[in-house]
Amino acid sequence: MKKIKPWLSAMRLRTLPLSVSGIILGTCFSYFNGQFSWWVLILAILTTMSLQVLSNLANDYGDGVRGTDNEERVGPERAIQSGEISPTEMLDAIKFNIIVVILLTLALIWAAFGPTNFLFLLLFVFLGGLSVYAALNYTMGDSPYGYRALGDVFVFIFFGLVSTIGSYLLYMHRIDHIVVLPAIALGFLSVGVLNLNNMRDINSDSNAGKITLVVKLGLDRAKKYHYFLIIGAMTMIVLFSLLYYVEPYNFLYAIAFIPLIIHVKKIKAAKEPSDFDNQLKVLALSTFLFALLLGVGYILH
């Protein structure tokens, strides 16, 4: 029982709502276009959540064994850093989680396509393998991309494009232009969460040799980059709702603009690492709310 709390902490359950935001968007737009399956929705959410947990455990392991997680780091103490979970135990959990991801991915592909759509089967097996690679190699391996300022690119691709467009494809068996702008906007907001995390950790990352984009840019330019991501996402989705207007419900997402605007003001005033840490949950939940309201706004009649 003593191990339950550190394992739950290592899984970082608070990151799960953000991880399923793209699934919600893709599902709502496919429902709007006449296709929906409860099995696909449930399996897509479970698969995405298991991938997020895998990424969190791998991140804990990679930063823990490299010594990046140390007394300089701001935010919740990591499991390996605290000593409550050993690197060997974490590695075993990662291996088990990979098996879970593979089984869920195969079940999802079968539920979505059955035995007849061979090309789609191959595509999603490839995407599943790529997602596992991305989850593991953010901080693990000989040359993790998170240490080479590439984390933003991977987050944009997987949390924005793959999650939203990929989930839409699971239902519709085709890609339509209606999901492109929402996928990009969600990708921007998801990158914003990573950028916020990296602004918080700029000093400890720099000292540990973890070269994030924030370390490369410096804090002042990283803040400007953050404004671009958040305001860019908001502008893009306003443009989207004008281009694809159906009824007033389509603007329901504007409610999520309130915490996002307040968030931008808070970041402008932020100076200490704790100032950025306090905004992580705000931006993650605001992004989830944004995705939920945007999707629901197109299925209400």
Protein backbone atom coordinates (compact mmCIF):
# COMPACT_ATOMS: atom_id res chain seq x y z
CA MET A 1 0.00 0.00 0.00
CA LYS A 2 2.91 2.34 0.68
CA LYS A 3 3.84 2.14 -3.01
CA ILE A 4 0.44 3.22 -4.33
CA LYS A 5 0.90 6.94 -3.71
CA PRO A 6 4.34 7.25 -5.39
CA TRP A 7 3.12 5.20 -8.38
CA LEU A 8 0.06 7.42 -8.78
CA SER A 9 2.34 10.44 -8.52
CA ALA A 10 4.70 8.99 -11.15
CA MET A 11 1.77 8.39 -13.52
CA ARG A 12 0.89 12.10 -13.20
CA LEU A 13 -2.84 11.57 -13.59
CA ARG A 14 -3.39 15.33 -13.86
CA THR A 15 -1.93 15.19 -17.39
CA LEU A 16 -4.61 12.77 -18.64
CA PRO A 17 -7.37 15.32 -19.48
CA LEU A 18 -4.97 17.14 -21.81
CA SER A 19 -3.97 13.87 -23.50
CA VAL A 20 -7.56 13.00 -24.46
CA SER A 21 -8.46 16.48 -25.75
CA GLY A 22 -7.69 15.51 -29.35
CA ILE A 23 -9.78 12.35 -29.03
CA ILE A 24 -12.73 14.46 -27.90
CA LEU A 25 -12.33 16.85 -30.84
CA GLY A 26 -11.94 14.11 -33.45
CA THR A 27 -14.91 12.21 -32.03
CA CYS A 28 -17.20 15.25 -31.96
CA PHE A 29 -16.41 16.22 -35.55
CA SER A 30 -16.93 12.68 -36.78
CA TYR A 31 -20.27 12.59 -34.91
CA PHE A 32 -21.12 15.91 -36.57
CA ASN A 33 -20.46 14.23 -39.93
CA GLY A 34 -22.59 11.20 -39.09
CA GLN A 35 -20.17 8.58 -37.73
CA PHE A 36 -19.72 7.40 -34.14
CA SER A 37 -18.85 4.24 -32.20
CA TRP A 38 -18.77 3.81 -28.44
CA TRP A 39 -16.18 1.04 -28.75
CA VAL A 40 -13.85 3.25 -30.77
CA LEU A 41 -14.29 6.14 -28.31
CA ILE A 42 -13.61 4.00 -25.21
CA LEU A 43 -10.62 2.21 -26.72
CA ALA A 44 -9.19 5.45 -28.15
CA ILE A 45 -9.37 7.12 -24.72
CA LEU A 46 -7.83 4.10 -22.96
CA THR A 47 -5.05 3.84 -25.57
CA THR A 48 -4.25 7.55 -25.36
CA MET A 49 -4.25 7.52 -21.56
CA SER A 50 -1.96 4.49 -21.46
CA LEU A 51 0.43 6.23 -23.87
CA GLN A 52 0.40 9.33 -21.67
CA VAL A 53 1.15 7.25 -18.55
CA LEU A 54 3.96 5.52 -20.47
CA SER A 55 5.39 8.89 -21.43
CA ASN A 56 5.18 10.12 -17.82
CA LEU A 57 6.92 7.02 -16.43
CA ALA A 58 9.60 7.18 -19.14
CA ASN A 59 10.12 10.88 -18.42
CA ASP A 60 10.52 10.16 -14.71
CA TYR A 61 13.00 7.39 -15.49
CA GLY A 62 15.01 9.33 -18.07
CA ASP A 63 15.35 12.53 -16.04
CA GLY A 64 15.85 10.53 -12.83
CA VAL A 65 18.77 8.40 -13.98
CA ARG A 66 20.41 11.39 -15.70
CA GLY A 67 20.19 13.49 -12.56
CA THR A 68 18.11 16.19 -14.26
CA ASP A 69 15.55 15.86 -11.46
CA ASN A 70 17.45 17.33 -8.53
CA GLU A 71 17.03 19.78 -5.69
CA GLU A 72 16.97 22.71 -8.17
CA ARG A 73 13.81 21.47 -9.85
CA VAL A 74 10.56 23.28 -9.04
CA GLY A 75 7.27 21.40 -8.88
CA PRO A 76 6.17 18.01 -7.53
CA GLU A 77 9.05 15.70 -6.61
CA ARG A 78 9.48 12.84 -9.08
CA ALA A 79 9.35 9.18 -8.01
CA ILE A 80 12.96 8.20 -8.79
CA GLN A 81 14.20 11.56 -7.52
CA SER A 82 12.51 10.89 -4.17
CA GLY A 83 13.91 7.34 -3.93
CA GLU A 84 10.45 5.86 -3.34
CA ILE A 85 10.65 3.95 -6.64
CA SER A 86 13.92 2.49 -7.89
CA PRO A 87 15.08 2.80 -11.52
CA THR A 88 14.70 -0.98 -11.92
CA GLU A 89 11.10 -0.89 -10.67
CA MET A 90 10.33 2.01 -12.99
CA LEU A 91 11.86 0.20 -15.97
CA ASP A 92 9.74 -2.88 -15.21
CA ALA A 93 6.63 -0.69 -15.07
CA ILE A 94 7.55 0.88 -18.41
CA LYS A 95 7.90 -2.56 -20.03
CA PHE A 96 4.52 -3.64 -18.63
CA ASN A 97 2.93 -0.43 -19.86
CA ILE A 98 4.29 -0.99 -23.37
CA ILE A 99 2.49 -4.36 -23.46
CA VAL A 100 -0.75 -2.65 -22.33
CA VAL A 101 -0.37 0.00 -25.05
CA ILE A 102 0.21 -2.63 -27.75
CA LEU A 103 -2.87 -4.65 -26.71
CA LEU A 104 -5.10 -1.56 -26.53
CA THR A 105 -3.80 -0.25 -29.85
CA LEU A 106 -4.54 -3.56 -31.60
CA ALA A 107 -8.03 -3.68 -30.05
CA LEU A 108 -8.68 -0.08 -31.17
CA ILE A 109 -7.53 -0.77 -34.73
CA TRP A 110 -9.74 -3.86 -34.94
CA ALA A 111 -12.78 -2.01 -33.55
CA ALA A 112 -12.29 0.84 -36.03
CA PHE A 113 -11.41 -1.04 -39.21
CA GLY A 114 -12.04 -4.76 -38.76
CA PRO A 115 -10.13 -7.19 -41.00
CA THR A 116 -10.88 -5.55 -44.35
CA ASN A 117 -9.10 -2.17 -44.35
CA PHE A 118 -5.54 -3.43 -44.63
CA LEU A 119 -3.92 -0.08 -45.47
CA PHE A 120 -5.57 1.62 -42.50
CA LEU A 121 -4.48 -1.29 -40.30
CA LEU A 122 -0.87 -0.80 -41.40
CA LEU A 123 -1.10 2.98 -40.96
CA PHE A 124 -2.33 2.77 -37.38
CA VAL A 125 0.11 0.00 -36.44
CA PHE A 126 2.84 2.36 -37.69
CA LEU A 127 1.35 5.33 -35.78
CA GLY A 128 1.06 3.20 -32.65
CA GLY A 129 4.72 2.19 -32.88
CA LEU A 130 5.73 5.79 -33.53
CA SER A 131 3.71 6.94 -30.50
CA VAL A 132 5.49 4.41 -28.25
CA TYR A 133 8.84 5.59 -29.64
CA ALA A 134 7.92 9.22 -28.96
CA ALA A 135 6.73 8.40 -25.43
CA LEU A 136 9.95 6.58 -24.57
CA ASN A 137 12.56 8.74 -26.27
CA TYR A 138 11.62 12.13 -24.88
CA THR A 139 14.13 11.64 -22.04
CA MET A 140 15.26 8.01 -22.45
CA GLY A 141 17.87 6.53 -24.77
CA ASP A 142 21.31 7.66 -25.89
CA SER A 143 20.05 10.82 -27.59
CA PRO A 144 16.60 11.79 -26.25
CA TYR A 145 14.86 14.42 -28.36
CA GLY A 146 13.68 16.28 -25.25
CA TYR A 147 17.33 17.13 -24.57
CA ARG A 148 17.78 18.49 -28.13
CA ALA A 149 15.02 21.12 -28.15
CA LEU A 150 12.68 18.89 -30.20
CA GLY A 151 9.99 18.28 -27.60
CA ASP A 152 7.79 21.05 -28.98
CA VAL A 153 7.74 19.46 -32.44
CA PHE A 154 6.74 16.04 -31.11
CA VAL A 155 4.04 17.46 -28.81
CA PHE A 156 2.54 19.45 -31.70
CA ILE A 157 2.50 16.38 -33.95
CA PHE A 158 1.15 13.85 -31.44
CA PHE A 159 -1.08 15.94 -29.14
CA GLY A 160 -2.42 18.07 -31.99
CA LEU A 161 -2.33 16.44 -35.43
CA VAL A 162 -2.17 12.71 -34.69
CA SER A 163 -4.61 12.82 -31.77
CA THR A 164 -7.29 14.94 -33.49
CA ILE A 165 -6.99 13.92 -37.14
CA GLY A 166 -6.12 10.32 -36.24
CA SER A 167 -9.19 9.87 -34.04
CA TYR A 168 -11.39 11.41 -36.76
CA LEU A 169 -9.90 8.92 -39.24
CA LEU A 170 -10.77 6.02 -36.92
CA TYR A 171 -14.46 6.81 -37.32
CA MET A 172 -14.69 8.29 -40.80
CA HIS A 173 -12.02 6.22 -42.63
CA ARG A 174 -11.00 9.41 -44.39
CA ILE A 175 -9.50 12.81 -43.57
CA ASP A 176 -11.61 15.94 -44.07
CA HIS A 177 -10.44 19.55 -43.99
CA ILE A 178 -12.84 20.37 -41.13
CA VAL A 179 -10.43 18.87 -38.55
CA VAL A 180 -7.21 20.52 -39.75
CA LEU A 181 -7.47 23.95 -38.07
CA PRO A 182 -8.80 22.52 -34.75
CA ALA A 183 -5.91 20.02 -34.76
CA ILE A 184 -3.36 22.80 -35.28
CA ALA A 185 -4.95 25.00 -32.59
CA LEU A 186 -4.95 22.13 -30.10
CA GLY A 187 -1.34 21.40 -31.01
CA PHE A 188 -0.40 25.01 -30.23
CA LEU A 189 -2.09 24.90 -26.82
CA SER A 190 -0.47 21.54 -25.99
CA VAL A 191 2.95 22.91 -26.92
CA GLY A 192 2.10 25.83 -24.64
CA VAL A 193 1.80 23.41 -21.71
CA LEU A 194 5.24 21.98 -22.50
CA ASN A 195 6.71 25.45 -22.95
CA LEU A 196 5.28 26.51 -19.59
CA ASN A 197 6.83 23.45 -17.95
CA ASN A 198 10.19 24.24 -19.57
CA MET A 199 10.05 27.90 -18.53
CA ARG A 200 9.55 26.71 -14.97
CA ASP A 201 12.56 24.37 -15.23
CA ILE A 202 14.86 26.61 -17.29
CA ASN A 203 17.56 26.89 -14.62
CA SER A 204 17.65 23.25 -13.53
CA ASP A 205 17.45 22.03 -17.15
CA SER A 206 20.26 24.31 -18.26
CA ASN A 207 22.50 23.24 -15.38
CA ALA A 208 21.78 19.56 -16.05
CA GLY A 209 22.52 19.85 -19.78
CA LYS A 210 18.90 19.38 -20.88
CA ILE A 211 18.65 21.72 -23.86
CA THR A 212 14.97 22.55 -24.29
CA LEU A 213 13.72 25.21 -26.70
CA VAL A 214 13.29 27.51 -23.69
CA VAL A 215 16.96 27.05 -22.75
CA LYS A 216 17.88 27.96 -26.34
CA LEU A 217 15.56 30.97 -26.52
CA GLY A 218 16.05 32.37 -23.02
CA LEU A 219 13.17 33.32 -20.76
CA ASP A 220 12.16 36.60 -22.42
CA ARG A 221 11.86 35.12 -25.91
CA ALA A 222 10.26 31.97 -24.51
CA LYS A 223 7.51 34.18 -23.06
CA LYS A 224 6.93 35.78 -26.48
CA TYR A 225 6.82 32.31 -28.02
CA HIS A 226 4.23 31.38 -25.39
CA TYR A 227 2.04 34.37 -26.29
CA PHE A 228 2.27 33.32 -29.96
CA LEU A 229 1.13 29.78 -29.11
CA ILE A 230 -1.87 30.77 -26.99
CA ILE A 231 -3.05 33.80 -28.97
CA GLY A 232 -2.29 31.98 -32.24
CA ALA A 233 -4.51 29.05 -31.19
CA MET A 234 -7.34 31.40 -30.21
CA THR A 235 -7.09 33.37 -33.48
CA MET A 236 -6.98 30.19 -35.54
CA ILE A 237 -10.11 28.75 -33.95
CA VAL A 238 -12.06 32.00 -34.39
CA LEU A 239 -11.13 31.84 -38.08
CA PHE A 240 -12.22 28.19 -38.15
CA SER A 241 -15.63 28.91 -36.63
CA LEU A 242 -16.22 31.70 -39.16
CA LEU A 243 -15.26 29.44 -42.06
CA TYR A 244 -17.32 26.49 -40.77
CA TYR A 245 -20.18 28.35 -39.12
CA VAL A 246 -23.41 26.37 -38.70
CA GLU A 247 -25.15 27.83 -35.65
CA PRO A 248 -24.37 30.02 -32.58
CA TYR A 249 -23.40 26.96 -30.50
CA ASN A 250 -20.24 26.81 -32.62
CA PHE A 251 -18.86 29.70 -30.55
CA LEU A 252 -19.36 27.89 -27.24
CA TYR A 253 -15.56 27.51 -26.97
CA ALA A 254 -15.30 31.28 -26.33
CA ILE A 255 -15.98 30.51 -22.64
CA ALA A 256 -12.52 28.87 -22.53
CA PHE A 257 -10.96 32.10 -23.83
CA ILE A 258 -11.56 33.73 -20.42
CA PRO A 259 -9.06 31.57 -18.45
CA LEU A 260 -6.68 31.59 -21.46
CA ILE A 261 -6.58 35.41 -21.56
CA ILE A 262 -6.09 35.56 -17.79
CA HIS A 263 -3.32 32.95 -18.18
CA VAL A 264 -1.46 35.08 -20.76
CA LYS A 265 -1.58 38.06 -18.37
CA LYS A 266 -0.24 35.89 -15.53
CA ILE A 267 2.66 34.68 -17.68
CA LYS A 268 3.49 38.24 -18.69
CA ALA A 269 3.86 39.10 -14.99
CA ALA A 270 5.64 35.84 -14.05
CA LYS A 271 9.21 36.12 -12.77
CA GLU A 272 9.84 33.17 -10.45
CA PRO A 273 9.74 29.45 -11.40
CA SER A 274 6.80 28.97 -9.01
CA ASP A 275 4.82 31.56 -11.01
CA PHE A 276 4.99 29.28 -14.05
CA ASP A 277 4.31 26.14 -12.02
CA ASN A 278 1.06 27.59 -10.71
CA GLN A 279 -0.18 28.08 -14.27
CA LEU A 280 0.46 24.52 -15.52
CA LYS A 281 -2.82 23.11 -14.26
CA VAL A 282 -4.66 26.24 -15.42
CA LEU A 283 -3.44 25.92 -19.02
CA ALA A 284 -3.90 22.13 -19.17
CA LEU A 285 -7.49 22.31 -17.91
CA SER A 286 -8.26 25.35 -20.07
CA THR A 287 -7.06 23.41 -23.11
CA PHE A 288 -9.28 20.45 -22.18
CA LEU A 289 -12.24 22.82 -21.68
CA PHE A 290 -11.50 24.47 -25.03
CA ALA A 291 -11.49 21.10 -26.85
CA LEU A 292 -14.64 19.94 -25.08
CA LEU A 293 -16.64 23.11 -25.78
CA LEU A 294 -15.44 23.35 -29.37
CA GLY A 295 -16.46 19.76 -30.05
CA VAL A 296 -19.78 19.97 -28.21
CA GLY A 297 -20.57 23.21 -30.05
CA TYR A 298 -20.74 21.26 -33.29
CA ILE A 299 -22.88 18.36 -32.07
CA LEU A 300 -25.57 20.43 -30.33
CA HIS A 301 -28.63 21.09 -32.45
